[in-house]
Protein backbone atom coordinates (compact mmCIF):
# COMPACT_ATOMS: atom_id res chain seq x y z
CA UNK A 1 0.00 0.00 0.00
CA UNK A 2 1.34 3.40 -0.91
CA UNK A 3 1.53 6.27 1.53
CA UNK A 4 -0.60 9.42 1.64
CA UNK A 5 2.43 11.46 0.58
CA UNK A 6 2.64 9.30 -2.56
CA UNK A 7 -0.97 10.12 -3.42
CA UNK A 8 -0.14 13.81 -2.88
CA UNK A 9 2.85 13.53 -5.24
CA UNK A 10 0.73 11.82 -7.91
CA UNK A 11 -1.86 14.57 -7.65
CA UNK A 12 0.81 17.29 -8.00
CA UNK A 13 2.33 15.54 -11.03
CA UNK A 14 -1.02 15.32 -12.80
CA UNK A 15 -1.08 18.00 -15.47
CA UNK A 16 -3.58 20.66 -14.47
CA UNK A 17 -4.17 24.37 -14.13
CA UNK A 18 -4.66 24.10 -10.38
CA UNK A 19 -2.44 25.72 -7.77
CA UNK A 20 -2.02 23.19 -4.97
CA UNK A 21 -0.93 23.93 -1.40
CA UNK A 22 -0.30 21.14 1.09
CA UNK A 23 -1.63 22.10 4.51
CA UNK A 24 0.11 20.85 7.62
CA UNK A 25 -2.14 22.06 10.37
CA UNK A 26 -1.46 20.98 13.92
CA UNK A 27 -3.68 23.68 15.45
CA UNK A 28 -7.03 22.98 13.82
CA UNK A 29 -7.64 19.26 13.92
CA UNK A 30 -9.74 17.93 11.07
CA UNK A 31 -8.61 20.49 8.47
CA UNK A 32 -8.19 18.75 5.08
CA UNK A 33 -4.75 18.04 3.65
CA UNK A 34 -4.77 20.18 0.52
CA UNK A 35 -5.96 23.62 -0.57
CA UNK A 36 -6.60 23.95 -4.29
CA UNK A 37 -7.22 27.06 -6.42
CA UNK A 38 -8.43 26.78 -10.02
CA UNK A 39 -8.45 29.21 -12.96
CA UNK A 40 -12.10 30.04 -12.31
CA UNK A 41 -11.07 31.68 -9.04
CA UNK A 42 -12.42 28.94 -6.77
CA UNK A 43 -10.76 27.60 -3.66
CA UNK A 44 -11.50 24.07 -2.50
CA UNK A 45 -10.21 21.65 0.12
CA UNK A 46 -9.24 18.01 -0.37
CA UNK A 47 -8.71 15.34 2.27
CA UNK A 48 -6.45 12.49 1.11
CA UNK A 49 -7.31 8.99 2.29
CA UNK A 50 -5.87 5.54 1.73
CA UNK A 51 -7.66 2.31 2.54
CA UNK A 52 -7.00 -1.41 2.30
CA UNK A 53 -10.67 -2.25 2.71
CA UNK A 54 -13.95 -0.71 1.59
CA UNK A 55 -14.24 1.27 4.82
CA UNK A 56 -12.56 4.68 5.15
CA UNK A 57 -11.33 5.88 8.54
CA UNK A 58 -12.05 9.45 9.63
CA UNK A 59 -11.34 11.15 12.92
CA UNK A 60 -14.28 12.82 14.68
CA UNK A 61 -12.57 16.16 13.91
CA UNK A 62 -12.50 15.40 10.18
CA UNK A 63 -16.17 14.42 10.17
CA UNK A 64 -17.08 17.59 12.06
CA UNK A 65 -15.09 19.71 9.61
CA UNK A 66 -16.94 18.32 6.59
CA UNK A 67 -20.32 18.63 8.33
CA UNK A 68 -19.56 22.32 9.03
CA UNK A 69 -18.00 22.96 5.58
CA UNK A 70 -19.92 20.85 3.03
CA UNK A 71 -19.30 23.05 -0.02
CA UNK A 72 -16.07 22.98 -2.04
CA UNK A 73 -14.67 20.23 0.15
CA UNK A 74 -13.77 16.78 -1.08
CA UNK A 75 -12.31 13.42 -0.06
CA UNK A 76 -9.87 11.76 -2.49
CA UNK A 77 -9.52 8.04 -1.75
CA UNK A 78 -7.02 5.51 -3.11
CA UNK A 79 -6.98 1.84 -2.18
CA UNK A 80 -8.91 -1.39 -2.37
CA UNK A 81 -10.19 -3.09 -4.34
CA UNK A 82 -7.91 -1.48 -6.97
CA UNK A 83 -5.05 0.64 -5.55
CA UNK A 84 -4.58 2.37 -8.91
CA UNK A 85 -8.16 3.60 -8.90
CA UNK A 86 -8.67 6.94 -7.18
CA UNK A 87 -12.17 8.01 -6.18
CA UNK A 88 -13.49 11.48 -5.37
CA UNK A 89 -16.36 12.16 -2.96
CA UNK A 90 -17.98 15.46 -1.99
CA UNK A 91 -17.50 16.62 1.59
CA UNK A 92 -21.27 17.13 1.79
CA UNK A 93 -21.68 13.33 1.82
CA UNK A 94 -19.21 12.66 4.65
CA UNK A 95 -21.73 10.84 6.85
CA UNK A 96 -22.72 8.53 3.99
CA UNK A 97 -19.05 7.96 3.21
CA UNK A 98 -18.40 7.02 6.84
CA UNK A 99 -21.31 4.55 6.80
CA UNK A 100 -21.04 3.12 3.27
CA UNK A 101 -17.34 3.47 2.50
CA UNK A 102 -16.35 2.74 -1.09
CA UNK A 103 -19.84 1.40 -1.85
CA UNK A 104 -20.92 5.06 -2.10
CA UNK A 105 -21.04 6.26 -5.72
CA UNK A 106 -18.08 8.65 -6.31
CA UNK A 107 -18.22 11.97 -8.15
CA UNK A 108 -15.29 10.86 -10.29
CA UNK A 109 -13.01 7.84 -10.71
CA UNK A 110 -9.39 8.06 -11.77
CA UNK A 111 -6.97 10.85 -10.98
CA UNK A 112 -7.38 12.61 -14.34
CA UNK A 113 -11.17 12.69 -13.97
CA UNK A 114 -10.87 14.01 -10.41
CA UNK A 115 -8.52 16.80 -11.49
CA UNK A 116 -10.84 17.68 -14.40
CA UNK A 117 -13.70 18.05 -11.92
CA UNK A 118 -11.57 20.36 -9.74
CA UNK A 119 -10.68 22.45 -12.79
CA UNK A 120 -14.37 22.84 -13.70
CA UNK A 121 -15.50 24.09 -10.28
CA UNK A 122 -17.19 27.47 -10.64
CA UNK A 123 -17.36 27.31 -14.44
């Protein structure tokens, strides 16, 4: 299983018109890992997750963050059943994602499709 930092590197290497900033926040627990800014002038937040099973682990702080900030927030998940397949979920569906895991229908599958969705925000 790859590490979260490897998923971050893959995302950065994916050709896009997005300015990415990795957030390392030790003061505000639950804040997502990445801040993105696209050419349409939209900011968005992305939490990176890896899983070996269909369930995705979230801290109570992360769940609370997404409940409070459901718009322009996303969860990008890599892992089972196919580690090469990356799935994107909206932050507004965090409670469903906690309960259903990877059985929940994603917004996009594959890193290129996820990045394309980020680029289209606000268009």
